[in-house]
């Protein structure tokens, strides 16, 4: 018997690295969409970072998601390859989470769910947050990429004519959601081509 139609699903895992706004904004966008379902996992450090950076509580963060999973619960449904999902983002992705995922250390739900995404050949996006990078970081990024992940540092797009930090964050969030074909209502200031950009610049 055919399964009933389902919403598209995205796992949003938030580690303790700086940049929790990169998780907060996609959840806000997707909470308004009828065709997507979000599954949220917060590390303990992520909860502390969100409070520090956004003055947002754990309850406020969790309220944006359709389902919330405890990072200690290795038995959660998102830890199984039988759970149908379009992919997963680790946002922001700490070097600890990167290391665990790149080396198959599934000692919490974030790492286990990411491991499942990779083994099922689904899309895993990792917004890695660290600078400068040492050789261990670079090798872990290479290992994760070779396993099928996409390393996506939230680098500002200076060419896009963005005027504020909020604009830069929104642009990055839009580019992230583009990878899953999420309708984000124009967060990305799309590149029109050099000739058009130069023409528009001449008008200013």
Foldseek 3Di string as FASTA:
>chain_A
DDDDDAAAEEEEEEEQDADCVLVQVVLQQCLPDPRYAYEYEYDPNRQVNCCVPVVDHPVRSCVSHNHYDYFACCPDPLLDLVDDHQEYEYPAAELVLLQCLLVVPSRTNSSSSSVSCLVNLHEYEYQYDDPPDDPSSVVSVVSVVVSPYHYQHLDFDVLLPDDDPVLSSLQSSVVVVVVVPDCRPPSHSDDPDDVVSVVVVVVD
